[in-house]
Protein backbone atom coordinates (compact mmCIF):
# COMPACT_ATOMS: atom_id res chain seq x y z
CA MET A 1 81.35 85.06 80.62
CA ARG A 2 84.04 83.68 78.51
CA LEU A 3 87.06 81.81 79.81
CA VAL A 4 90.19 82.51 77.95
CA ASN A 5 93.71 80.71 78.88
CA THR A 6 95.98 82.31 75.95
CA VAL A 7 97.14 85.59 74.67
CA SER A 8 95.94 85.14 71.32
CA GLU A 9 92.66 84.14 72.76
CA LEU A 10 92.11 87.37 74.68
CA ARG A 11 93.57 89.34 71.98
CA ASP A 12 91.30 87.96 69.58
CA ALA A 13 88.05 88.77 71.90
CA VAL A 14 89.48 92.52 72.40
CA ARG A 15 90.11 93.07 68.88
CA VAL A 16 86.45 92.18 68.50
CA TRP A 17 85.28 94.61 70.93
CA ARG A 18 87.79 97.05 69.38
CA SER A 19 86.42 96.71 66.36
CA ALA A 20 83.04 97.55 67.68
CA GLY A 21 84.08 100.65 69.45
CA GLN A 22 83.79 99.27 72.85
CA SER A 23 86.09 100.14 75.83
CA VAL A 24 88.13 98.15 78.07
CA ALA A 25 88.31 97.73 81.67
CA LEU A 26 91.06 95.25 83.48
CA VAL A 27 90.65 93.85 86.48
CA PRO A 28 94.15 92.12 88.00
CA THR A 29 93.75 89.48 90.22
CA MET A 30 95.32 86.45 92.18
CA GLY A 31 92.28 84.87 92.36
CA ASN A 32 90.40 83.41 95.58
CA LEU A 33 88.11 86.29 95.00
CA HIS A 34 86.05 87.78 98.03
CA ALA A 35 84.18 91.11 98.12
CA GLY A 36 86.85 93.60 97.51
CA HIS A 37 87.58 91.75 94.49
CA LEU A 38 83.90 91.98 93.67
CA ALA A 39 83.81 95.72 94.02
CA LEU A 40 86.62 96.31 91.73
CA VAL A 41 84.42 94.23 88.94
CA ASN A 42 81.38 96.74 89.54
CA GLU A 43 83.33 99.99 89.58
CA ALA A 44 84.94 98.53 86.06
CA GLN A 45 81.55 97.98 84.90
CA LYS A 46 80.66 101.81 85.58
CA LYS A 47 84.01 102.58 83.29
CA ALA A 48 83.77 100.50 80.82
CA ASP A 49 81.44 98.74 78.02
CA ARG A 50 83.71 95.16 78.74
CA VAL A 51 85.38 94.08 81.91
CA VAL A 52 88.53 91.68 81.42
CA VAL A 53 89.19 89.89 84.86
CA SER A 54 92.76 88.12 85.28
CA ILE A 55 93.40 85.06 87.75
CA PHE A 56 96.99 84.81 87.89
CA VAL A 57 99.03 83.74 90.99
CA ASN A 58 102.19 85.65 89.75
CA PRO A 59 105.41 83.35 90.95
CA THR A 60 107.75 86.71 90.67
CA GLN A 61 106.27 88.48 92.90
CA PHE A 62 106.83 86.05 95.74
CA GLY A 63 110.13 85.77 97.74
CA ILE A 64 111.84 82.37 98.86
CA GLY A 65 110.10 81.04 101.97
CA GLU A 66 106.85 82.93 100.91
CA ASP A 67 103.60 81.21 100.76
CA PHE A 68 103.36 80.95 96.44
CA GLU A 69 102.79 77.09 96.55
CA THR A 70 100.24 77.16 99.28
CA TYR A 71 98.65 80.39 98.21
CA PRO A 72 95.04 79.86 98.03
CA ARG A 73 93.69 78.60 94.88
CA THR A 74 90.07 78.28 94.33
CA GLU A 75 89.17 78.35 90.58
CA ALA A 76 85.67 76.91 90.39
CA GLU A 77 84.25 79.28 92.90
CA ASP A 78 86.14 82.49 91.10
CA ARG A 79 84.39 81.46 87.77
CA GLN A 80 80.92 81.27 89.68
CA LYS A 81 81.51 84.57 91.17
CA LEU A 82 82.83 86.20 88.16
CA ASN A 83 79.63 85.06 86.41
CA ALA A 84 77.25 86.56 89.12
CA CYS A 85 78.39 89.81 88.90
CA GLY A 86 78.52 90.06 84.78
CA ALA A 87 82.33 89.88 84.26
CA ASP A 88 82.73 89.87 79.97
CA LEU A 89 85.83 87.70 80.00
CA LEU A 90 88.21 85.82 82.56
CA PHE A 91 91.69 85.32 81.54
CA GLN A 92 93.34 82.81 83.36
CA PRO A 93 96.77 81.95 81.93
CA ALA A 94 99.55 79.28 82.84
CA VAL A 95 102.48 80.61 83.82
CA SER A 96 104.33 79.34 80.66
CA ALA A 97 101.97 81.72 78.79
CA VAL A 98 103.14 84.92 80.78
CA TYR A 99 106.82 84.21 81.35
CA THR A 100 109.25 82.37 78.78
CA SER A 101 111.75 80.24 80.12
CA ASP A 102 114.34 82.25 79.24
CA ALA A 103 112.71 86.11 80.26
CA LYS A 104 115.18 88.42 80.73
CA THR A 105 113.18 91.64 81.28
CA VAL A 106 112.45 92.95 84.97
CA VAL A 107 110.39 96.26 85.16
CA SER A 108 111.59 97.76 88.39
CA VAL A 109 110.39 101.22 89.90
CA SER A 110 113.03 102.31 91.98
CA GLY A 111 112.76 104.19 95.18
CA LEU A 112 108.83 103.18 95.85
CA SER A 113 110.10 99.76 94.91
CA GLU A 114 112.85 99.73 98.07
CA GLU A 115 110.40 101.29 101.03
CA TYR A 116 108.00 99.82 103.69
CA CYS A 117 107.21 96.24 102.03
CA GLY A 118 109.48 96.63 99.68
CA ALA A 119 112.37 96.91 102.09
CA LEU A 120 111.16 93.45 103.69
CA ARG A 121 110.06 91.56 100.61
CA PRO A 122 113.27 92.23 98.26
CA GLY A 123 112.11 91.83 94.58
CA HIS A 124 108.34 92.03 95.77
CA PHE A 125 107.43 95.27 93.64
CA ASP A 126 109.80 94.17 90.50
CA GLY A 127 107.59 91.07 90.17
CA VAL A 128 104.33 93.20 90.54
CA ALA A 129 105.88 95.88 88.13
CA THR A 130 106.48 93.06 85.41
CA VAL A 131 103.25 91.18 85.29
CA VAL A 132 100.94 93.94 85.69
CA CYS A 133 103.06 95.69 82.89
CA LYS A 134 102.70 92.60 80.94
CA LEU A 135 98.64 92.54 81.50
CA PHE A 136 98.63 96.01 80.33
CA ASN A 137 100.71 94.82 77.09
CA ILE A 138 98.78 91.84 76.39
CA VAL A 139 95.10 93.40 77.32
CA GLN A 140 95.72 96.81 76.04
CA PRO A 141 92.76 98.56 78.37
CA ASP A 142 91.80 101.85 78.88
CA VAL A 143 90.92 101.61 82.60
CA ALA A 144 92.76 99.21 85.52
CA LEU A 145 91.49 98.91 88.88
CA PHE A 146 93.07 98.34 91.99
CA GLY A 147 91.98 98.28 95.67
CA LEU A 148 93.41 101.09 98.19
CA LYS A 149 94.51 98.12 100.36
CA ASP A 150 97.55 98.00 98.48
CA PHE A 151 98.67 101.72 98.57
CA GLN A 152 102.21 100.95 97.94
CA GLN A 153 101.17 98.43 94.97
CA LEU A 154 98.85 101.18 93.40
CA THR A 155 101.64 103.79 94.24
CA VAL A 156 103.99 101.59 92.19
CA ILE A 157 101.83 101.23 89.34
CA ARG A 158 100.74 104.68 88.77
CA THR A 159 104.34 105.33 88.76
CA MET A 160 105.38 102.58 86.27
CA VAL A 161 102.29 104.09 83.94
CA ARG A 162 103.22 107.46 84.33
CA ASP A 163 107.19 106.77 83.66
CA LEU A 164 106.23 104.40 80.69
CA ASN A 165 103.52 106.85 79.26
CA ILE A 166 101.32 103.38 79.42
CA PRO A 167 98.45 105.06 78.12
CA VAL A 168 95.79 103.23 80.87
CA GLU A 169 93.93 105.11 83.33
CA ILE A 170 94.92 103.27 87.07
CA ALA A 171 91.59 103.87 89.10
CA GLY A 172 91.98 103.20 93.13
CA VAL A 173 88.88 101.64 94.59
CA GLU A 174 88.46 101.85 98.54
CA THR A 175 88.94 99.18 100.74
CA VAL A 176 85.92 96.55 101.40
CA ARG A 177 86.00 95.61 105.38
CA GLU A 178 84.45 93.34 107.23
CA ALA A 179 82.10 94.40 110.06
CA SER A 180 84.97 94.20 112.16
CA GLY A 181 87.02 96.87 110.37
CA LEU A 182 89.67 93.94 108.80
CA ALA A 183 90.55 94.71 105.28
CA MET A 184 89.20 92.02 103.43
CA SER A 185 92.09 89.62 101.98
CA SER A 186 92.98 86.16 100.54
CA ARG A 187 95.06 85.79 103.14
CA ASN A 188 92.11 86.39 105.91
CA GLY A 189 91.64 82.72 105.21
CA TYR A 190 94.67 81.71 107.37
CA LEU A 191 93.20 83.14 110.27
CA SER A 192 91.80 81.37 113.10
CA ALA A 193 88.33 83.40 114.15
CA GLU A 194 90.33 84.49 117.50
CA GLU A 195 93.10 85.47 115.21
CA LYS A 196 90.14 87.39 112.97
CA THR A 197 89.34 89.21 115.96
CA THR A 198 92.79 90.77 116.85
CA ALA A 199 93.45 91.14 113.47
CA ALA A 200 90.65 93.95 113.21
CA LYS A 201 92.93 96.16 116.00
CA LEU A 202 95.22 97.00 113.11
CA TYR A 203 92.98 99.08 111.62
CA GLN A 204 91.83 100.18 114.96
CA ALA A 205 95.34 101.50 115.41
CA LEU A 206 95.50 103.34 111.72
CA CYS A 207 92.30 105.02 112.73
CA VAL A 208 93.54 106.08 116.51
CA ALA A 209 96.44 107.63 114.34
CA ARG A 210 94.65 109.40 111.84
CA ASP A 211 92.61 110.54 114.29
CA ALA A 212 95.71 112.03 116.75
CA ILE A 213 97.02 113.56 113.50
CA LEU A 214 93.73 115.48 112.62
CA ALA A 215 93.63 116.41 116.51
CA GLY A 216 97.15 117.76 116.43
CA SER A 217 97.59 116.22 119.80
CA ALA A 218 101.29 114.88 119.11
CA SER A 219 104.16 114.57 116.91
CA PHE A 220 104.27 112.07 113.81
CA GLN A 221 107.05 110.20 115.20
CA GLU A 222 105.28 110.01 118.55
CA ILE A 223 102.16 108.77 116.97
CA GLU A 224 103.96 106.02 115.08
CA CYS A 225 105.59 104.92 117.85
CA LYS A 226 102.14 104.49 120.11
CA ALA A 227 101.09 102.62 117.10
CA MET A 228 103.58 100.20 117.42
CA LEU A 229 103.23 99.71 120.98
CA PHE A 230 99.66 99.50 120.37
CA LEU A 231 100.18 96.62 118.02
CA GLN A 232 102.93 94.92 119.88
CA GLU A 233 100.80 94.72 123.11
CA SER A 234 97.78 93.07 121.03
CA GLY A 235 99.65 90.05 119.81
CA PHE A 236 101.09 91.33 116.61
CA GLN A 237 104.82 91.57 115.24
CA PRO A 238 104.46 94.68 113.28
CA ASP A 239 106.87 95.03 110.32
CA TYR A 240 106.32 99.16 110.12
CA PHE A 241 103.73 101.83 110.88
CA GLY A 242 104.52 105.14 109.17
CA VAL A 243 102.99 108.60 108.49
CA CYS A 244 103.57 109.01 104.72
CA LYS A 245 102.62 111.76 102.22
CA ALA A 246 99.87 110.15 100.08
CA SER A 247 101.68 111.59 96.77
CA ASP A 248 104.96 109.65 96.77
CA LEU A 249 105.12 107.75 100.51
CA LYS A 250 108.04 109.54 101.47
CA LYS A 251 108.05 110.47 104.92
CA ALA A 252 105.37 113.20 105.94
CA GLY A 253 106.14 116.20 107.67
CA GLU A 254 103.82 118.38 109.80
CA ASP A 255 103.26 120.78 106.90
CA ASP A 256 101.69 118.37 104.46
CA VAL A 257 98.00 117.49 103.86
CA ALA A 258 97.50 114.33 101.81
CA LEU A 259 98.37 111.80 104.10
CA VAL A 260 98.27 107.96 104.02
CA LEU A 261 99.28 106.05 106.98
CA LEU A 262 100.90 102.64 106.29
CA ALA A 263 100.97 99.47 108.63
CA ALA A 264 101.82 95.67 108.40
CA ALA A 265 102.21 93.12 111.09
CA ARG A 266 102.36 89.37 111.37
CA LEU A 267 99.62 87.77 113.16
CA SER A 268 101.03 84.13 113.88
CA LYS A 269 101.79 83.00 110.38
CA THR A 270 100.10 85.21 108.35
CA ARG A 271 101.29 88.93 107.42
CA LEU A 272 98.47 91.72 107.00
CA ILE A 273 98.81 95.33 105.74
CA ASP A 274 96.69 97.91 105.77
CA ASN A 275 96.26 102.02 105.13
CA VAL A 276 94.31 104.83 105.61
CA CYS A 277 94.20 107.86 103.73
CA PHE A 278 92.94 111.44 104.66
CA SER A 279 93.33 115.07 104.18
CA ARG A 280 94.28 117.67 106.74
CA ASN A 281 92.13 119.90 104.89
CA PRO A 282 88.59 118.97 104.61
CA GLN A 283 88.09 121.14 101.50
CA SER A 284 90.48 119.32 99.64
CA CYS A 285 89.40 115.66 100.72
CA SER A 286 88.17 114.53 97.40
CA ASP A 287 88.82 111.68 94.80
CA ALA A 288 92.57 112.56 94.79
CA PHE A 289 93.45 108.89 96.12
CA LEU A 290 91.04 107.26 94.00
CA SER A 291 91.43 108.74 90.24
CA LYS A 292 94.55 108.26 88.20
CA ALA A 293 97.86 109.99 88.79
CA ASP A 294 98.86 112.90 86.48
């Protein structure tokens, strides 16, 4: 695996691949890689001849008082993992290689970026959209892969690509979970062993809510309220629990079929997010959540 730190080196490598008629996949990450990230690399290898993985802790998506400075950075271990799984190139730029000191341009996906996590982390999704747009311009991949765990992020990126006519296929990859059901996340390292046991109840709440919707046993509002109460009683400080339309994250109506349950909650000092995507029509439950947006 080749390691490059500059845009020019990255573009030179991609140019050679392109001249040989090879396709390119991009897996953008912030490092501290776990099995969920490696699943993205494995899927990327199925979709393209060459796989670029970026590791960049993006400062513009962290707000005041968030964990940018303390965000876990495990560069040597990450390189070993990527070597082992056969990634072709690791792009690991400095902040100065991605952002000029007087940068003035911000990519903002209005509407989607202000709800749920966006309401609690102002500017977060502007930072995400901007850096992903920059990575797409730098690498110019055929396909880019993102985990479904960050469903709002995935929806923001799909919308940006559609609206800006960026010629990149966006592929979503199923969330990788620990045996307890806890979604794998770099921030799980902040949790104690006892807290990790409690953290798994976030996914439990999502599954119970999904089953209640499929059974038609309660209204969406009742299900949301029960889930929030369950999380509070389990020791979380819940930020939100919403029944949404999978297409645009708007509040779902009782007649909507393709749904996503979005949840975020704090456990001690750690903020966890998770979701469950499903269809109320088994015949239509296919790859809709995984494939690129139209």
